[in-house]
N, C-alpha and C. Protein backbone atom coordinates (compact mmCIF):
# COMPACT_ATOMS: atom_id res chain seq x y z
N MET A 1 128.09 66.93 88.99
CA MET A 1 127.09 67.98 88.96
C MET A 1 125.76 67.40 89.47
N LYS A 2 125.10 68.16 90.30
CA LYS A 2 123.85 67.71 90.91
C LYS A 2 122.67 67.98 89.98
N LYS A 3 121.83 66.96 89.81
CA LYS A 3 120.64 67.14 88.98
C LYS A 3 119.55 67.83 89.79
N THR A 4 118.88 68.76 89.16
CA THR A 4 117.75 69.39 89.83
C THR A 4 116.50 68.59 89.56
N LYS A 5 115.69 68.46 90.59
CA LYS A 5 114.45 67.71 90.43
C LYS A 5 113.39 68.57 89.78
N LYS A 6 112.62 67.94 88.93
CA LYS A 6 111.50 68.62 88.29
C LYS A 6 110.39 68.80 89.31
N PRO A 7 109.77 69.97 89.38
CA PRO A 7 108.72 70.17 90.39
C PRO A 7 107.51 69.28 90.11
N VAL A 8 106.94 68.77 91.18
CA VAL A 8 105.76 67.92 91.08
C VAL A 8 104.55 68.74 91.47
N PHE A 9 103.57 68.79 90.59
CA PHE A 9 102.37 69.56 90.85
C PHE A 9 101.28 68.65 91.39
N GLN A 10 100.70 69.05 92.50
CA GLN A 10 99.61 68.28 93.08
C GLN A 10 98.33 68.58 92.31
N PRO A 11 97.49 67.57 92.09
CA PRO A 11 96.25 67.83 91.35
C PRO A 11 95.30 68.70 92.16
N LEU A 12 94.69 69.65 91.49
CA LEU A 12 93.72 70.54 92.12
C LEU A 12 92.33 69.92 91.99
N PRO A 13 91.42 70.25 92.90
CA PRO A 13 90.07 69.68 92.78
C PRO A 13 89.35 70.21 91.55
N GLY A 14 88.37 69.44 91.09
CA GLY A 14 87.60 69.82 89.91
C GLY A 14 86.79 71.08 90.11
N THR A 15 86.42 71.37 91.35
CA THR A 15 85.66 72.58 91.63
C THR A 15 86.49 73.83 91.39
N PHE A 16 87.82 73.70 91.49
CA PHE A 16 88.70 74.84 91.23
C PHE A 16 88.59 75.27 89.77
N MET A 17 88.61 74.29 88.85
CA MET A 17 88.47 74.61 87.43
C MET A 17 87.06 75.11 87.13
N MET A 18 86.07 74.50 87.74
CA MET A 18 84.69 74.93 87.53
C MET A 18 84.50 76.38 87.99
N MET A 19 85.09 76.74 89.13
CA MET A 19 85.01 78.10 89.63
C MET A 19 85.69 79.07 88.66
N GLY A 20 86.82 78.65 88.08
CA GLY A 20 87.51 79.50 87.12
C GLY A 20 86.71 79.73 85.85
N ILE A 21 86.09 78.67 85.34
CA ILE A 21 85.31 78.78 84.11
C ILE A 21 84.07 79.64 84.34
N ILE A 22 83.37 79.40 85.46
CA ILE A 22 82.16 80.19 85.75
C ILE A 22 82.52 81.65 85.99
N GLY A 23 83.58 81.89 86.75
CA GLY A 23 84.01 83.27 87.01
C GLY A 23 84.44 83.99 85.74
N PHE A 24 85.16 83.27 84.87
CA PHE A 24 85.58 83.85 83.60
C PHE A 24 84.38 84.22 82.75
N THR A 25 83.40 83.32 82.68
CA THR A 25 82.21 83.56 81.86
C THR A 25 81.39 84.74 82.40
N ILE A 26 81.16 84.76 83.70
CA ILE A 26 80.38 85.85 84.29
C ILE A 26 81.10 87.19 84.12
N SER A 27 82.42 87.20 84.34
CA SER A 27 83.18 88.45 84.17
C SER A 27 83.13 88.93 82.73
N LEU A 28 83.22 88.00 81.80
CA LEU A 28 83.17 88.37 80.39
C LEU A 28 81.81 88.94 80.03
N ILE A 29 80.75 88.29 80.46
CA ILE A 29 79.39 88.77 80.15
C ILE A 29 79.13 90.14 80.79
N TYR A 30 79.51 90.28 82.05
CA TYR A 30 79.26 91.55 82.74
C TYR A 30 80.09 92.70 82.17
N SER A 31 81.32 92.42 81.75
CA SER A 31 82.13 93.51 81.20
C SER A 31 81.68 93.88 79.79
N ILE A 32 81.19 92.91 79.01
CA ILE A 32 80.69 93.22 77.67
C ILE A 32 79.37 93.99 77.76
N SER A 33 78.50 93.60 78.71
CA SER A 33 77.20 94.26 78.81
C SER A 33 77.28 95.64 79.44
N GLY A 34 78.38 95.96 80.08
CA GLY A 34 78.55 97.28 80.68
C GLY A 34 78.16 97.35 82.15
N LYS A 35 77.76 96.22 82.74
CA LYS A 35 77.41 96.22 84.16
C LYS A 35 78.66 96.31 85.03
N LEU A 36 79.80 95.94 84.46
CA LEU A 36 81.07 95.98 85.16
C LEU A 36 82.02 96.86 84.36
N ASP A 37 82.73 97.75 85.06
CA ASP A 37 83.68 98.63 84.39
C ASP A 37 84.71 97.79 83.62
N LEU A 38 85.16 98.29 82.49
CA LEU A 38 86.05 97.52 81.62
C LEU A 38 87.37 97.16 82.31
N SER A 39 87.94 98.08 83.09
CA SER A 39 89.20 97.77 83.76
C SER A 39 89.01 96.68 84.82
N TRP A 40 87.91 96.73 85.55
CA TRP A 40 87.61 95.66 86.52
C TRP A 40 87.33 94.35 85.80
N GLY A 41 86.63 94.41 84.68
CA GLY A 41 86.32 93.21 83.92
C GLY A 41 87.57 92.53 83.40
N VAL A 42 88.49 93.29 82.87
CA VAL A 42 89.74 92.72 82.37
C VAL A 42 90.54 92.11 83.52
N SER A 43 90.54 92.79 84.66
CA SER A 43 91.27 92.26 85.82
C SER A 43 90.68 90.93 86.29
N PHE A 44 89.36 90.87 86.40
CA PHE A 44 88.72 89.62 86.81
C PHE A 44 88.94 88.51 85.78
N ILE A 45 88.86 88.86 84.51
CA ILE A 45 89.07 87.87 83.46
C ILE A 45 90.49 87.30 83.54
N LEU A 46 91.48 88.15 83.78
CA LEU A 46 92.86 87.67 83.90
C LEU A 46 93.03 86.75 85.10
N VAL A 47 92.42 87.11 86.23
CA VAL A 47 92.54 86.28 87.43
C VAL A 47 91.92 84.91 87.20
N PHE A 48 90.72 84.88 86.62
CA PHE A 48 90.07 83.60 86.39
C PHE A 48 90.77 82.80 85.30
N LEU A 49 91.39 83.46 84.34
CA LEU A 49 92.17 82.76 83.33
C LEU A 49 93.40 82.10 83.96
N ILE A 50 94.03 82.78 84.90
CA ILE A 50 95.17 82.20 85.61
C ILE A 50 94.73 80.98 86.41
N ILE A 51 93.54 81.05 87.02
CA ILE A 51 93.01 79.91 87.76
C ILE A 51 92.78 78.73 86.83
N ILE A 52 92.22 78.99 85.65
CA ILE A 52 91.97 77.91 84.69
C ILE A 52 93.29 77.30 84.22
N LEU A 53 94.28 78.13 83.93
CA LEU A 53 95.57 77.62 83.47
C LEU A 53 96.27 76.80 84.55
N ALA A 54 96.14 77.23 85.81
CA ALA A 54 96.74 76.47 86.91
C ALA A 54 96.09 75.11 87.06
N SER A 55 94.78 75.05 86.89
CA SER A 55 94.11 73.76 87.02
C SER A 55 94.43 72.85 85.83
N ILE A 56 94.63 73.43 84.64
CA ILE A 56 95.04 72.62 83.49
C ILE A 56 96.46 72.09 83.70
N LYS A 57 97.33 72.92 84.24
CA LYS A 57 98.71 72.51 84.49
C LYS A 57 98.76 71.38 85.51
N SER A 58 97.88 71.42 86.49
CA SER A 58 97.90 70.36 87.51
C SER A 58 97.31 69.06 86.97
N MET A 59 96.60 69.09 85.85
CA MET A 59 96.04 67.87 85.27
C MET A 59 97.04 67.14 84.38
N THR A 60 98.09 67.81 83.92
CA THR A 60 99.05 67.17 83.02
C THR A 60 99.80 66.07 83.75
N PRO A 61 100.10 64.97 83.08
CA PRO A 61 100.79 63.86 83.75
C PRO A 61 102.22 64.24 84.12
N THR A 62 102.72 63.64 85.19
CA THR A 62 104.07 63.95 85.66
C THR A 62 105.13 63.08 85.01
N GLY A 63 104.73 62.11 84.24
CA GLY A 63 105.68 61.23 83.57
C GLY A 63 105.84 59.91 84.30
N LYS A 64 105.31 59.80 85.51
CA LYS A 64 105.38 58.55 86.27
C LYS A 64 104.16 57.70 85.95
N ILE A 65 104.39 56.45 85.65
CA ILE A 65 103.28 55.54 85.35
C ILE A 65 103.29 54.40 86.34
């Protein structure tokens, strides 16, 4: 039986995580204050949360030392 290889994630630049955190914060503030419609705010928050999670996933070690 053939073993499947575990996918290797390339590290993302630090600016990617910074962009996700800043975008998440701005979207949250704007949607709470009412400057941004709630449906748009939730959509932006989800997108930036996915960006943050992707950058966290790329920071985890691959097991190779």
